[in-house]
Amino acid sequence: MRIILSEATQTACSVFWTAGQRIDPTTNTTFVWRLTSTDTHSDTVSVMRYSNWDQGQPNNHMGVLEGCIRLARVYSYKWHDSSCNEAYCSVCELDTI
């Protein structure tokens, strides 16, 4: 596995989405890795065996449910929960030979 950020992306973005979401982003459920969209089927969802949460995260800031995980340069790319409606860049994973 290799994670790739293009040079243009690195300079244009300081906040990135990951594939991490709550099992149900509309309720306070556990976070999982989504392999496709928002399906909850076991073949498209992977349990998180690794985490890199920033201190105090996830926190549902100001009592608002935050169902997605983002990375931000300003937080040394530690994970923060966030509203899924924000517009950020994405991190992509590619299999390489």
N, C-alpha and C. Protein backbone atom coordinates (compact mmCIF):
# COMPACT_ATOMS: atom_id res chain seq x y z
N MET A 1 0.84 -1.17 0.00
CA MET A 1 0.00 0.00 0.00
C MET A 1 0.89 1.23 0.00
N ARG A 2 0.47 2.24 -0.76
CA ARG A 2 1.19 3.49 -0.84
C ARG A 2 0.19 4.62 -0.84
N ILE A 3 0.37 5.63 -0.04
CA ILE A 3 -0.51 6.79 -0.05
C ILE A 3 0.17 7.89 -0.83
N ILE A 4 -0.57 8.46 -1.78
CA ILE A 4 0.02 9.44 -2.68
C ILE A 4 -0.72 10.76 -2.59
N LEU A 5 0.03 11.82 -2.40
CA LEU A 5 -0.52 13.18 -2.48
C LEU A 5 0.27 13.88 -3.57
N SER A 6 -0.43 14.40 -4.56
CA SER A 6 0.28 15.09 -5.63
C SER A 6 0.88 16.40 -5.12
N GLU A 7 1.86 16.89 -5.82
CA GLU A 7 2.49 18.15 -5.42
C GLU A 7 1.47 19.28 -5.40
N ALA A 8 0.56 19.28 -6.37
CA ALA A 8 -0.49 20.32 -6.41
C ALA A 8 -1.39 20.20 -5.19
N THR A 9 -1.74 18.98 -4.83
CA THR A 9 -2.61 18.76 -3.68
C THR A 9 -1.92 19.21 -2.39
N GLN A 10 -0.65 18.90 -2.26
CA GLN A 10 0.07 19.27 -1.04
C GLN A 10 0.10 20.77 -0.83
N THR A 11 0.17 21.53 -1.90
CA THR A 11 0.23 22.98 -1.74
C THR A 11 -1.16 23.60 -1.65
N ALA A 12 -2.16 22.98 -2.25
CA ALA A 12 -3.50 23.57 -2.28
C ALA A 12 -4.34 23.17 -1.08
N CYS A 13 -4.02 22.09 -0.41
CA CYS A 13 -4.85 21.58 0.68
C CYS A 13 -4.08 21.50 1.98
N SER A 14 -4.75 21.85 3.04
CA SER A 14 -4.15 21.66 4.36
C SER A 14 -5.04 20.77 5.22
N VAL A 15 -6.24 20.42 4.71
CA VAL A 15 -7.16 19.53 5.42
C VAL A 15 -7.61 18.45 4.44
N PHE A 16 -7.62 17.19 4.91
CA PHE A 16 -7.95 16.06 4.05
C PHE A 16 -8.97 15.15 4.72
N TRP A 17 -9.87 14.60 3.91
CA TRP A 17 -10.77 13.55 4.37
C TRP A 17 -10.04 12.22 4.35
N THR A 18 -10.40 11.33 5.27
CA THR A 18 -9.96 9.94 5.22
C THR A 18 -11.20 9.11 4.89
N ALA A 19 -11.05 7.80 4.83
CA ALA A 19 -12.19 6.91 4.61
C ALA A 19 -12.86 6.54 5.93
N GLY A 20 -12.43 7.17 7.01
CA GLY A 20 -13.02 6.89 8.32
C GLY A 20 -14.35 7.60 8.51
N GLN A 21 -15.36 6.83 8.88
CA GLN A 21 -16.68 7.37 9.19
C GLN A 21 -17.31 6.55 10.30
N ARG A 22 -18.30 7.12 10.93
CA ARG A 22 -19.08 6.34 11.89
C ARG A 22 -19.85 5.27 11.12
N ILE A 23 -20.16 4.15 11.78
CA ILE A 23 -20.95 3.10 11.13
C ILE A 23 -22.23 3.73 10.58
N ASP A 24 -22.87 4.58 11.37
CA ASP A 24 -24.02 5.37 10.91
C ASP A 24 -23.67 6.83 11.20
N PRO A 25 -23.28 7.62 10.18
CA PRO A 25 -22.85 9.00 10.41
C PRO A 25 -23.93 9.91 11.01
N THR A 26 -25.16 9.43 11.11
CA THR A 26 -26.22 10.26 11.69
C THR A 26 -26.45 9.96 13.17
N THR A 27 -25.72 8.96 13.72
CA THR A 27 -25.85 8.64 15.14
C THR A 27 -24.45 8.45 15.74
N ASN A 28 -24.37 8.45 17.05
CA ASN A 28 -23.10 8.38 17.76
C ASN A 28 -22.59 6.94 17.84
N THR A 29 -22.22 6.36 16.69
CA THR A 29 -21.72 4.99 16.61
C THR A 29 -20.20 5.00 16.48
N THR A 30 -19.58 3.82 16.51
CA THR A 30 -18.12 3.74 16.38
C THR A 30 -17.67 4.11 14.97
N PHE A 31 -16.40 4.47 14.87
CA PHE A 31 -15.80 4.79 13.57
C PHE A 31 -15.25 3.52 12.93
N VAL A 32 -15.38 3.43 11.61
CA VAL A 32 -14.88 2.31 10.81
C VAL A 32 -14.23 2.88 9.56
N TRP A 33 -13.49 2.03 8.84
CA TRP A 33 -12.99 2.42 7.52
C TRP A 33 -14.02 2.01 6.49
N ARG A 34 -14.41 2.91 5.63
CA ARG A 34 -15.36 2.62 4.56
C ARG A 34 -14.58 2.30 3.30
N LEU A 35 -14.92 1.19 2.69
CA LEU A 35 -14.28 0.82 1.43
C LEU A 35 -15.07 1.36 0.25
N THR A 36 -16.39 1.58 0.44
CA THR A 36 -17.25 2.20 -0.58
C THR A 36 -18.29 3.06 0.10
N SER A 37 -18.58 4.17 -0.44
CA SER A 37 -19.61 5.13 -0.01
C SER A 37 -20.00 4.99 1.45
N THR A 38 -21.29 4.82 1.73
CA THR A 38 -21.77 4.75 3.11
C THR A 38 -22.43 3.42 3.42
N ASP A 39 -22.09 2.38 2.65
CA ASP A 39 -22.64 1.05 2.93
C ASP A 39 -22.21 0.58 4.31
N THR A 40 -23.06 -0.21 4.96
CA THR A 40 -22.71 -0.77 6.26
C THR A 40 -22.51 -2.28 6.18
N HIS A 41 -22.42 -2.81 4.97
CA HIS A 41 -22.21 -4.25 4.80
C HIS A 41 -20.79 -4.63 5.23
N SER A 42 -20.64 -5.79 5.82
CA SER A 42 -19.34 -6.19 6.35
C SER A 42 -18.26 -6.28 5.28
N ASP A 43 -18.63 -6.52 4.03
CA ASP A 43 -17.61 -6.61 2.98
C ASP A 43 -17.13 -5.25 2.49
N THR A 44 -17.77 -4.16 2.90
CA THR A 44 -17.34 -2.83 2.48
C THR A 44 -16.95 -1.95 3.67
N VAL A 45 -16.91 -2.52 4.88
CA VAL A 45 -16.54 -1.79 6.08
C VAL A 45 -15.44 -2.56 6.80
N SER A 46 -14.42 -1.87 7.26
CA SER A 46 -13.31 -2.51 7.97
C SER A 46 -13.16 -1.89 9.35
N VAL A 47 -13.02 -2.72 10.36
CA VAL A 47 -12.83 -2.26 11.73
C VAL A 47 -11.49 -1.55 11.83
N MET A 48 -11.43 -0.45 12.61
CA MET A 48 -10.18 0.28 12.79
C MET A 48 -9.30 -0.46 13.79
N ARG A 49 -8.14 -0.88 13.34
CA ARG A 49 -7.18 -1.53 14.23
C ARG A 49 -6.07 -0.53 14.61
N TYR A 50 -6.06 0.60 13.97
CA TYR A 50 -5.08 1.65 14.22
C TYR A 50 -5.84 2.96 14.34
N SER A 51 -5.40 3.83 15.21
CA SER A 51 -5.99 5.17 15.27
C SER A 51 -4.89 6.19 15.56
N ASN A 52 -5.16 7.43 15.20
CA ASN A 52 -4.21 8.51 15.40
C ASN A 52 -4.97 9.77 15.82
N TRP A 53 -5.91 9.60 16.77
CA TRP A 53 -6.72 10.72 17.24
C TRP A 53 -5.87 11.75 17.95
N ASP A 54 -6.19 13.01 17.73
CA ASP A 54 -5.57 14.10 18.49
C ASP A 54 -6.15 14.06 19.90
N GLN A 55 -5.47 14.68 20.83
CA GLN A 55 -5.94 14.71 22.21
C GLN A 55 -7.35 15.30 22.29
N GLY A 56 -8.25 14.63 23.00
CA GLY A 56 -9.62 15.11 23.16
C GLY A 56 -10.55 14.76 22.01
N GLN A 57 -10.06 14.02 21.03
CA GLN A 57 -10.85 13.63 19.86
C GLN A 57 -11.23 12.16 19.95
N PRO A 58 -12.29 11.71 19.36
CA PRO A 58 -13.37 12.51 18.75
C PRO A 58 -14.18 13.20 19.85
N ASN A 59 -14.76 14.35 19.50
CA ASN A 59 -15.42 15.13 20.55
C ASN A 59 -16.82 15.65 20.21
N ASN A 60 -17.34 15.42 19.00
CA ASN A 60 -18.64 15.99 18.65
C ASN A 60 -18.71 17.44 19.12
N HIS A 61 -17.86 18.27 18.55
CA HIS A 61 -17.66 19.66 18.94
C HIS A 61 -18.98 20.41 19.13
N MET A 62 -19.10 21.07 20.27
CA MET A 62 -20.28 21.88 20.62
C MET A 62 -21.56 21.06 20.57
N GLY A 63 -21.45 19.76 20.84
CA GLY A 63 -22.63 18.89 20.89
C GLY A 63 -23.19 18.50 19.53
N VAL A 64 -22.50 18.88 18.46
CA VAL A 64 -22.95 18.55 17.11
C VAL A 64 -22.29 17.24 16.69
N LEU A 65 -23.09 16.26 16.28
CA LEU A 65 -22.56 14.98 15.85
C LEU A 65 -21.61 15.16 14.67
N GLU A 66 -20.42 14.61 14.79
CA GLU A 66 -19.42 14.67 13.73
C GLU A 66 -19.12 13.24 13.32
N GLY A 67 -19.49 12.88 12.08
CA GLY A 67 -19.44 11.50 11.66
C GLY A 67 -18.30 11.11 10.75
N CYS A 68 -17.39 12.02 10.41
CA CYS A 68 -16.29 11.71 9.50
C CYS A 68 -14.96 12.08 10.14
N ILE A 69 -13.86 11.56 9.57
CA ILE A 69 -12.52 11.82 10.11
C ILE A 69 -11.71 12.63 9.09
N ARG A 70 -11.07 13.70 9.59
CA ARG A 70 -10.23 14.53 8.74
C ARG A 70 -8.84 14.65 9.36
N LEU A 71 -7.88 14.97 8.51
CA LEU A 71 -6.50 15.25 8.92
C LEU A 71 -6.23 16.71 8.59
N ALA A 72 -5.50 17.39 9.44
CA ALA A 72 -5.17 18.79 9.15
C ALA A 72 -3.70 19.05 9.43
N ARG A 73 -3.08 19.77 8.54
CA ARG A 73 -1.68 20.13 8.71
C ARG A 73 -1.46 20.83 10.04
N VAL A 74 -2.35 21.74 10.40
CA VAL A 74 -2.23 22.53 11.62
C VAL A 74 -2.22 21.66 12.88
N TYR A 75 -2.79 20.47 12.82
CA TYR A 75 -2.81 19.53 13.96
C TYR A 75 -1.83 18.38 13.73
N SER A 76 -0.78 18.61 12.95
CA SER A 76 0.23 17.58 12.64
C SER A 76 -0.40 16.31 12.10
N TYR A 77 -1.49 16.47 11.36
CA TYR A 77 -2.22 15.37 10.71
C TYR A 77 -2.77 14.35 11.70
N LYS A 78 -2.96 14.75 12.96
CA LYS A 78 -3.69 13.91 13.91
C LYS A 78 -5.16 13.94 13.51
N TRP A 79 -5.89 12.89 13.84
CA TRP A 79 -7.29 12.77 13.43
C TRP A 79 -8.21 13.66 14.26
N HIS A 80 -9.19 14.24 13.57
CA HIS A 80 -10.27 15.00 14.22
C HIS A 80 -11.58 14.55 13.61
N ASP A 81 -12.60 14.40 14.45
CA ASP A 81 -13.92 14.14 13.88
C ASP A 81 -14.46 15.46 13.33
N SER A 82 -15.28 15.38 12.32
CA SER A 82 -15.77 16.57 11.64
C SER A 82 -17.12 16.28 11.01
N SER A 83 -17.89 17.33 10.76
CA SER A 83 -19.13 17.18 10.02
C SER A 83 -18.80 16.67 8.62
N CYS A 84 -19.56 15.73 8.14
CA CYS A 84 -19.31 15.13 6.82
C CYS A 84 -19.67 16.06 5.67
N ASN A 85 -20.22 17.23 5.96
CA ASN A 85 -20.67 18.15 4.92
C ASN A 85 -19.62 19.17 4.49
N GLU A 86 -18.44 19.12 5.09
CA GLU A 86 -17.39 20.08 4.76
C GLU A 86 -16.73 19.72 3.43
N ALA A 87 -16.14 20.69 2.77
CA ALA A 87 -15.43 20.47 1.50
C ALA A 87 -13.93 20.47 1.76
N TYR A 88 -13.32 19.29 1.75
CA TYR A 88 -11.88 19.14 1.94
C TYR A 88 -11.33 18.29 0.81
N CYS A 89 -10.02 18.23 0.71
CA CYS A 89 -9.37 17.32 -0.25
C CYS A 89 -9.44 15.91 0.33
N SER A 90 -9.06 14.92 -0.49
CA SER A 90 -9.12 13.53 -0.07
C SER A 90 -7.75 12.89 -0.09
N VAL A 91 -7.58 11.89 0.76
CA VAL A 91 -6.39 11.04 0.74
C VAL A 91 -6.77 9.79 -0.01
N CYS A 92 -5.96 9.39 -0.98
CA CYS A 92 -6.27 8.19 -1.77
C CYS A 92 -5.23 7.11 -1.52
N GLU A 93 -5.67 5.87 -1.52
CA GLU A 93 -4.79 4.73 -1.36
C GLU A 93 -4.72 3.96 -2.66
N LEU A 94 -3.51 3.65 -3.07
CA LEU A 94 -3.30 2.89 -4.31
C LEU A 94 -2.49 1.64 -4.01
N ASP A 95 -2.88 0.52 -4.58
CA ASP A 95 -2.07 -0.68 -4.49
C ASP A 95 -0.99 -0.59 -5.55
N THR A 96 0.23 -0.87 -5.16
CA THR A 96 1.33 -0.84 -6.12
C THR A 96 1.97 -2.21 -6.20
N ILE A 97 2.58 -2.46 -7.30
CA ILE A 97 3.21 -3.76 -7.51
C ILE A 97 4.64 -3.72 -7.04
